[in-house]
Amino acid sequence: MAKSDKPMKVYYQAFKFLLNTGLRSGELCNLTWDDVDLETGLIKIQPKEGWTPKRNSREFYINESSLEALRSFDNREGCVFKDLSGRQLDPSALRKALIEVAQAPGLNGLTLVHDLRHTFSSLMQMNGVDPGTMAAILGHRSYDVTMIYTHRTQEHLRKSINKIGIG
């Protein structure tokens, strides 16, 4: 890895984790090792000193990709995601890094970290996860809010209609 790429490595890991968990940026930045069970894959989103989750505390299991990423981290003290100086990631720095990463392939419209949460939700929905489960994972109080987060691709719509074919 080139020296100039090294500062971005933590952000790439954070973005991948966000895409695999649907966490809000504040939840990711405030996730500590005390919130993570590396054996079961259960994580807790819970208040910390100086920070409270947007909606409420919740627990849910993360997928194997996220779990493997966490297992690869050497420093398992304090916050899970830290910058190169060992400080807790800041949501505004996370957004700035996302804009920089997105511009390289020409994704100039990707400017909000929260869009990764929408992507996660859409992928869950398109892969058949029911709205109740999605709401529990995302920490939504109602299905209506969860459905705001789902965006179906044209390809998904085309494949879905072809599941029914009465001859």
Protein backbone atom coordinates (compact mmCIF):
# COMPACT_ATOMS: atom_id res chain seq x y z
CA MET A 1 0.00 0.00 0.00
CA ALA A 2 1.35 3.38 -0.98
CA LYS A 3 2.04 5.87 1.79
CA SER A 4 -0.75 8.14 0.49
CA ASP A 5 -3.25 5.23 0.61
CA LYS A 6 -2.51 4.32 4.23
CA PRO A 7 -4.64 7.07 5.84
CA MET A 8 -7.62 5.94 3.75
CA LYS A 9 -7.38 2.28 4.78
CA VAL A 10 -9.34 2.84 7.99
CA TYR A 11 -12.04 4.65 6.01
CA TYR A 12 -12.29 1.83 3.46
CA GLN A 13 -12.77 -0.59 6.36
CA ALA A 14 -15.39 1.69 7.90
CA PHE A 15 -17.30 2.03 4.61
CA LYS A 16 -17.30 -1.71 4.06
CA PHE A 17 -18.53 -2.21 7.62
CA LEU A 18 -21.29 0.36 7.10
CA LEU A 19 -22.40 -1.37 3.88
CA ASN A 20 -22.52 -4.71 5.72
CA THR A 21 -24.29 -3.51 8.89
CA GLY A 22 -26.42 -0.49 8.03
CA LEU A 23 -25.07 1.45 10.99
CA ARG A 24 -25.48 5.21 11.17
CA SER A 25 -22.18 7.10 11.09
CA GLY A 26 -22.52 8.08 14.76
CA GLU A 27 -23.14 4.45 15.68
CA LEU A 28 -20.02 3.35 13.82
CA CYS A 29 -17.88 6.11 15.32
CA ASN A 30 -19.07 5.28 18.84
CA LEU A 31 -18.92 1.49 18.55
CA THR A 32 -16.52 0.15 21.19
CA TRP A 33 -15.02 -3.28 21.69
CA ASP A 34 -17.26 -3.68 24.73
CA ASP A 35 -20.20 -3.56 22.27
CA VAL A 36 -18.87 -6.45 20.18
CA ASP A 37 -19.01 -10.20 20.80
CA LEU A 38 -16.50 -11.68 18.37
CA GLU A 39 -17.65 -15.24 19.10
CA THR A 40 -21.37 -14.81 18.43
CA GLY A 41 -21.29 -11.80 16.12
CA LEU A 42 -23.71 -9.86 18.31
CA ILE A 43 -23.17 -6.11 18.52
CA LYS A 44 -24.85 -3.59 20.80
CA ILE A 45 -25.73 -0.05 19.93
CA GLN A 46 -25.98 1.67 23.28
CA PRO A 47 -25.44 5.08 24.89
CA LYS A 48 -21.93 6.18 25.84
CA GLU A 49 -20.69 9.12 27.81
CA GLY A 50 -21.26 12.12 25.54
CA TRP A 51 -23.27 10.19 22.93
CA THR A 52 -26.73 8.68 22.68
CA PRO A 53 -28.04 6.57 19.77
CA LYS A 54 -30.52 8.37 17.54
CA ARG A 55 -33.47 6.15 18.37
CA ASN A 56 -32.78 3.56 21.03
CA SER A 57 -30.43 0.87 22.18
CA ARG A 58 -30.51 -2.32 20.16
CA GLU A 59 -28.65 -5.55 19.58
CA PHE A 60 -28.30 -7.48 16.35
CA TYR A 61 -26.02 -9.99 14.69
CA ILE A 62 -23.58 -8.92 12.01
CA ASN A 63 -22.70 -10.95 8.95
CA GLU A 64 -19.59 -13.07 8.58
CA SER A 65 -17.83 -10.47 6.41
CA SER A 66 -18.18 -7.85 9.15
CA LEU A 67 -17.16 -10.31 11.83
CA GLU A 68 -14.02 -11.32 9.94
CA ALA A 69 -13.10 -7.67 9.47
CA LEU A 70 -13.37 -7.07 13.21
CA ARG A 71 -11.35 -10.18 14.00
CA SER A 72 -8.53 -8.82 11.83
CA PHE A 73 -8.11 -5.70 13.99
CA ASP A 74 -5.07 -5.79 16.25
CA ASN A 75 -6.02 -3.09 18.74
CA ARG A 76 -9.16 -4.16 20.59
CA GLU A 77 -9.40 -1.38 23.13
CA GLY A 78 -11.75 1.58 23.17
CA CYS A 79 -13.46 2.51 19.94
CA VAL A 80 -13.43 -0.06 17.16
CA PHE A 81 -12.83 2.42 14.33
CA LYS A 82 -9.97 4.84 14.94
CA ASP A 83 -7.93 7.17 12.79
CA LEU A 84 -4.19 6.60 12.28
CA SER A 85 -3.39 8.52 15.46
CA GLY A 86 -5.60 6.15 17.47
CA ARG A 87 -8.43 8.63 18.06
CA GLN A 88 -12.10 7.83 17.64
CA LEU A 89 -13.30 8.42 14.08
CA ASP A 90 -15.27 11.61 13.60
CA PRO A 91 -18.47 11.56 11.48
CA SER A 92 -17.44 14.70 9.59
CA ALA A 93 -14.05 13.16 8.72
CA LEU A 94 -15.88 10.01 7.62
CA ARG A 95 -18.04 12.08 5.26
CA LYS A 96 -15.03 13.93 3.86
CA ALA A 97 -13.29 10.61 3.18
CA LEU A 98 -16.41 9.21 1.50
CA ILE A 99 -16.57 12.16 -0.87
CA GLU A 100 -12.89 11.69 -1.72
CA VAL A 101 -13.28 7.93 -2.26
CA ALA A 102 -16.44 8.37 -4.35
CA GLN A 103 -14.90 10.98 -6.64
CA ALA A 104 -12.16 8.64 -7.86
CA PRO A 105 -14.55 6.44 -9.91
CA GLY A 106 -16.76 9.44 -10.75
CA LEU A 107 -19.49 8.93 -8.13
CA ASN A 108 -19.70 12.65 -7.46
CA GLY A 109 -23.28 12.38 -6.16
CA LEU A 110 -22.25 10.15 -3.25
CA THR A 111 -21.71 12.73 -0.52
CA LEU A 112 -23.62 11.38 2.48
CA VAL A 113 -22.46 8.51 4.68
CA HIS A 114 -26.15 7.87 5.37
CA ASP A 115 -26.53 6.77 1.72
CA LEU A 116 -24.57 3.62 2.65
CA ARG A 117 -27.34 2.84 5.16
CA HIS A 118 -29.90 3.17 2.36
CA THR A 119 -27.81 0.85 0.20
CA PHE A 120 -27.65 -1.74 2.99
CA SER A 121 -31.41 -1.57 3.48
CA SER A 122 -32.10 -1.88 -0.24
CA LEU A 123 -29.80 -4.88 -0.55
CA MET A 124 -31.50 -6.59 2.39
CA GLN A 125 -34.92 -6.01 0.84
CA MET A 126 -33.84 -7.19 -2.62
CA ASN A 127 -32.41 -10.33 -1.04
CA GLY A 128 -35.71 -11.21 0.61
CA VAL A 129 -35.26 -9.98 4.19
CA ASP A 130 -38.69 -9.22 5.65
CA PRO A 131 -39.49 -5.64 6.74
CA GLY A 132 -39.83 -6.57 10.43
CA THR A 133 -36.33 -7.99 10.54
CA MET A 134 -34.99 -5.04 8.58
CA ALA A 135 -36.62 -2.61 11.04
CA ALA A 136 -35.08 -4.45 14.01
CA ILE A 137 -31.59 -4.40 12.49
CA LEU A 138 -31.81 -0.77 11.41
CA GLY A 139 -33.32 0.35 14.71
CA HIS A 140 -36.52 1.73 13.19
CA ARG A 141 -39.71 1.95 15.20
CA SER A 142 -41.99 1.32 12.24
CA TYR A 143 -42.06 -0.51 8.91
CA ASP A 144 -42.97 2.77 7.22
CA VAL A 145 -39.60 4.27 8.08
CA THR A 146 -37.82 1.11 6.93
CA MET A 147 -39.60 1.22 3.58
CA ILE A 148 -38.31 4.77 3.01
CA TYR A 149 -34.85 3.22 3.05
CA THR A 150 -35.51 0.62 0.36
CA HIS A 151 -34.79 1.43 -3.25
CA ARG A 152 -35.30 -1.31 -5.81
CA THR A 153 -33.19 -1.49 -8.94
CA GLN A 154 -34.74 -1.95 -12.37
CA GLU A 155 -32.96 -5.30 -12.61
CA HIS A 156 -34.53 -6.44 -9.33
CA LEU A 157 -37.98 -5.38 -10.53
CA ARG A 158 -37.47 -7.25 -13.82
CA LYS A 159 -36.34 -10.45 -12.08
CA SER A 160 -39.13 -10.20 -9.50
CA ILE A 161 -41.94 -10.03 -12.05
CA ASN A 162 -40.51 -13.07 -13.81
CA LYS A 163 -40.93 -15.15 -10.64
CA ILE A 164 -44.61 -15.37 -11.53
CA GLY A 165 -45.46 -17.00 -14.83
CA ILE A 166 -48.86 -18.57 -15.12
CA GLY A 167 -49.04 -20.39 -18.43
